[in-house]
């Protein structure tokens, strides 16, 4: 943080943290998001409605900002650690242990919500797909491979909410990469074609 950048107001940070935790608490109790009211959130956070509206437009604004915050954190890990040719397993481990396991109640609750204003599963899928696509250069079917990567990553991250991923589970994504590249690389296709072409 630069010296000229304004420091966040501790009271604002604390209040927003309490409101966020309150929504997670209400969702964890089994109430669907669409049936949650601002009054429910305020009661759980021990804040007034006016305080809530000082920070958020409505519950959908709260949801949007929670999803955007998580997506930003995941994108930052991918940007810092995932480079062309790099193993994705280190990124997956950092995300599963550092974010999903640390905030597993919040992740579990948000992954069940599919609203236009905030769909964590959709956002993370898009973020993973974009990161994977950027590492595949111009290989054939890179859109398909990127989609498979993203789907596998989300399955494993969901699994990490119940228990820490084993090294073998984390390595599964890297295995997918090697299989996809060996199966779809132009050289592989050319070799297969030459072997299947009869000689005279």
Protein backbone atom coordinates (compact mmCIF):
# COMPACT_ATOMS: atom_id res chain seq x y z
CA UNK A 1 0.00 0.00 0.00
CA UNK A 2 1.43 3.40 -0.99
CA UNK A 3 1.78 6.18 1.56
CA UNK A 4 -0.80 8.25 -0.34
CA UNK A 5 -3.42 5.46 -0.42
CA UNK A 6 -6.20 5.98 2.12
CA UNK A 7 -6.23 3.46 4.94
CA UNK A 8 -9.45 1.44 5.25
CA UNK A 9 -11.71 2.52 8.09
CA UNK A 10 -11.44 -0.26 10.72
CA UNK A 11 -15.08 0.26 11.74
CA UNK A 12 -16.24 -0.14 8.15
CA UNK A 13 -14.14 -3.26 7.67
CA UNK A 14 -15.40 -4.77 10.92
CA UNK A 15 -19.05 -4.00 10.16
CA UNK A 16 -18.87 -5.45 6.65
CA UNK A 17 -17.11 -8.53 8.00
CA UNK A 18 -19.91 -8.98 10.55
CA UNK A 19 -22.61 -8.57 7.92
CA UNK A 20 -20.90 -11.03 5.60
CA UNK A 21 -20.54 -13.56 8.41
CA UNK A 22 -24.20 -13.05 9.29
CA UNK A 23 -25.37 -13.93 5.79
CA UNK A 24 -23.22 -17.08 5.87
CA UNK A 25 -24.68 -17.97 9.28
CA UNK A 26 -28.26 -17.60 8.05
CA UNK A 27 -27.52 -19.64 4.92
CA UNK A 28 -25.78 -22.33 6.94
CA UNK A 29 -28.92 -22.68 9.04
CA UNK A 30 -30.59 -23.98 5.89
CA UNK A 31 -32.52 -20.96 4.67
CA UNK A 32 -32.47 -20.49 0.86
CA UNK A 33 -30.96 -17.18 -0.23
CA UNK A 34 -34.17 -16.01 -1.89
CA UNK A 35 -36.00 -16.35 1.43
CA UNK A 36 -33.34 -14.51 3.43
CA UNK A 37 -34.32 -10.92 4.28
CA UNK A 38 -32.22 -7.93 5.20
CA UNK A 39 -33.88 -8.12 8.62
CA UNK A 40 -32.57 -11.69 9.02
CA UNK A 41 -29.04 -10.58 8.18
CA UNK A 42 -29.21 -7.59 10.51
CA UNK A 43 -30.48 -9.72 13.38
CA UNK A 44 -27.62 -12.19 12.94
CA UNK A 45 -25.03 -9.40 12.59
CA UNK A 46 -26.46 -7.38 15.50
CA UNK A 47 -26.66 -4.25 13.36
CA UNK A 48 -29.52 -1.96 12.44
CA UNK A 49 -31.13 -1.83 9.00
CA UNK A 50 -29.79 1.69 8.53
CA UNK A 51 -26.27 0.40 9.19
CA UNK A 52 -26.77 -2.35 6.62
CA UNK A 53 -27.93 0.15 4.01
CA UNK A 54 -24.96 2.37 4.77
CA UNK A 55 -22.79 -0.41 3.33
CA UNK A 56 -24.96 -2.27 0.82
CA UNK A 57 -27.82 -1.47 -1.52
CA UNK A 58 -29.62 -4.73 -0.69
CA UNK A 59 -28.90 -8.40 -0.08
CA UNK A 60 -28.06 -8.88 -3.76
CA UNK A 61 -25.40 -6.19 -3.58
CA UNK A 62 -23.95 -7.99 -0.56
CA UNK A 63 -23.95 -11.30 -2.46
CA UNK A 64 -22.33 -9.72 -5.53
CA UNK A 65 -19.51 -8.22 -3.51
CA UNK A 66 -18.86 -11.45 -1.62
CA UNK A 67 -18.62 -13.42 -4.87
CA UNK A 68 -16.42 -10.76 -6.50
CA UNK A 69 -14.07 -10.76 -3.52
CA UNK A 70 -13.57 -14.54 -3.64
CA UNK A 71 -13.18 -14.54 -7.42
CA UNK A 72 -10.57 -11.76 -7.16
CA UNK A 73 -8.58 -13.76 -4.61
CA UNK A 74 -8.63 -16.86 -6.81
CA UNK A 75 -7.64 -14.86 -9.89
CA UNK A 76 -4.74 -13.34 -7.94
CA UNK A 77 -3.41 -16.79 -7.01
CA UNK A 78 -3.68 -17.93 -10.63
CA UNK A 79 -1.93 -14.80 -11.87
CA UNK A 80 0.89 -15.12 -9.34
CA UNK A 81 1.52 -18.87 -9.66
CA UNK A 82 0.08 -20.24 -12.90
CA UNK A 83 2.29 -19.70 -15.92
CA UNK A 84 2.51 -21.48 -19.29
CA UNK A 85 4.17 -24.82 -18.70
CA UNK A 86 3.67 -24.65 -14.92
CA UNK A 87 1.90 -27.31 -12.91
CA UNK A 88 -1.56 -26.28 -11.83
CA UNK A 89 -1.36 -28.47 -8.73
CA UNK A 90 0.52 -25.81 -6.74
CA UNK A 91 -2.22 -23.27 -7.52
CA UNK A 92 -4.98 -25.70 -6.66
CA UNK A 93 -3.31 -26.52 -3.35
CA UNK A 94 -2.95 -22.81 -2.51
CA UNK A 95 -6.60 -22.13 -3.32
CA UNK A 96 -8.00 -25.21 -1.58
CA UNK A 97 -5.92 -24.87 1.59
CA UNK A 98 -5.60 -21.10 1.75
CA UNK A 99 -9.11 -20.05 0.77
CA UNK A 100 -11.62 -22.89 0.57
CA UNK A 101 -10.52 -24.73 3.70
CA UNK A 102 -10.05 -21.52 5.70
CA UNK A 103 -13.50 -20.18 4.74
CA UNK A 104 -15.26 -23.45 4.03
CA UNK A 105 -18.65 -22.47 5.51
CA UNK A 106 -18.75 -19.36 3.33
CA UNK A 107 -17.64 -21.28 0.23
CA UNK A 108 -20.12 -24.09 0.81
CA UNK A 109 -22.97 -21.62 1.28
CA UNK A 110 -22.13 -19.47 -1.74
CA UNK A 111 -21.63 -22.41 -4.09
CA UNK A 112 -25.30 -23.29 -3.54
CA UNK A 113 -26.51 -19.87 -4.73
CA UNK A 114 -27.17 -19.37 -8.41
CA UNK A 115 -28.47 -15.85 -8.80
CA UNK A 116 -27.70 -13.50 -11.72
CA UNK A 117 -26.27 -11.04 -9.20
CA UNK A 118 -23.88 -13.57 -7.70
CA UNK A 119 -23.10 -17.08 -8.89
CA UNK A 120 -19.78 -18.17 -7.38
CA UNK A 121 -19.63 -21.45 -9.29
CA UNK A 122 -20.15 -19.65 -12.60
CA UNK A 123 -17.60 -16.96 -11.78
CA UNK A 124 -14.92 -19.41 -10.69
CA UNK A 125 -15.54 -21.62 -13.72
CA UNK A 126 -14.99 -18.62 -16.00
CA UNK A 127 -11.86 -17.58 -14.10
CA UNK A 128 -10.32 -21.07 -14.23
CA UNK A 129 -11.24 -21.51 -17.90
CA UNK A 130 -9.60 -18.21 -18.82
CA UNK A 131 -6.42 -19.09 -16.92
CA UNK A 132 -6.20 -22.55 -18.45
CA UNK A 133 -6.89 -21.30 -21.96
CA UNK A 134 -4.02 -18.82 -21.70
CA UNK A 135 -1.54 -21.66 -21.06
CA UNK A 136 -2.62 -23.84 -23.96
CA UNK A 137 -1.38 -21.58 -26.77
CA UNK A 138 -2.84 -22.68 -30.10
CA UNK A 139 -3.24 -26.38 -29.38
CA UNK A 140 -6.25 -28.05 -31.02
CA UNK A 141 -9.44 -28.18 -28.96
CA UNK A 142 -8.01 -25.82 -26.35
CA UNK A 143 -11.53 -24.58 -25.51
CA UNK A 144 -12.57 -28.15 -24.69
CA UNK A 145 -9.44 -28.78 -22.63
CA UNK A 146 -9.89 -25.51 -20.72
CA UNK A 147 -13.50 -26.43 -19.94
CA UNK A 148 -12.39 -29.85 -18.67
CA UNK A 149 -9.71 -28.22 -16.52
CA UNK A 150 -12.21 -25.85 -14.96
CA UNK A 151 -14.77 -28.57 -14.28
CA UNK A 152 -12.12 -30.78 -12.65
CA UNK A 153 -10.82 -27.89 -10.53
CA UNK A 154 -14.32 -27.07 -9.25
CA UNK A 155 -15.03 -30.70 -8.39
CA UNK A 156 -11.81 -30.93 -6.39
CA UNK A 157 -12.39 -27.61 -4.64
CA UNK A 158 -15.86 -28.73 -3.60
CA UNK A 159 -14.29 -31.94 -2.30
CA UNK A 160 -11.76 -29.91 -0.29
CA UNK A 161 -14.63 -28.43 1.74
CA UNK A 162 -15.11 -31.83 3.40
CA UNK A 163 -11.48 -32.84 3.78
CA UNK A 164 -8.03 -31.69 2.77
CA UNK A 165 -7.16 -32.86 -0.72
CA UNK A 166 -4.55 -35.59 -0.98
CA UNK A 167 -1.50 -35.06 -3.17
CA UNK A 168 -2.88 -37.64 -5.60
CA UNK A 169 -6.16 -35.74 -5.91
CA UNK A 170 -4.38 -32.44 -6.50
CA UNK A 171 -2.12 -34.05 -9.10
CA UNK A 172 -5.20 -35.18 -11.04
CA UNK A 173 -5.45 -31.83 -12.82
CA UNK A 174 -1.83 -31.99 -13.95
CA UNK A 175 -2.46 -35.54 -15.17
CA UNK A 176 -5.41 -34.23 -17.17
CA UNK A 177 -3.07 -31.67 -18.74
CA UNK A 178 -0.54 -34.28 -19.85
CA UNK A 179 -3.24 -36.59 -21.20
CA UNK A 180 -4.95 -33.78 -23.10
CA UNK A 181 -1.74 -32.50 -24.63
CA UNK A 182 -0.51 -35.94 -25.64
CA UNK A 183 -3.91 -36.82 -27.10
CA UNK A 184 -4.58 -33.58 -28.95
CA UNK A 185 -1.15 -32.34 -29.96
CA UNK A 186 -0.73 -31.94 -33.74
CA UNK A 187 2.40 -34.18 -33.66
CA UNK A 188 0.39 -36.96 -32.05
CA UNK A 189 -2.33 -36.67 -34.69
CA UNK A 190 0.23 -36.65 -37.47
CA UNK A 191 1.96 -39.73 -36.06
CA UNK A 192 -1.32 -41.58 -35.76
CA UNK A 193 -2.18 -40.64 -39.34
CA UNK A 194 1.17 -41.85 -40.68
CA UNK A 195 0.82 -45.16 -38.85
CA UNK A 196 -2.66 -45.73 -40.23
CA UNK A 197 -1.67 -44.88 -43.82
CA UNK A 198 -0.75 -48.06 -45.76
CA UNK A 199 2.59 -48.06 -47.56
CA UNK A 200 3.07 -49.35 -51.07
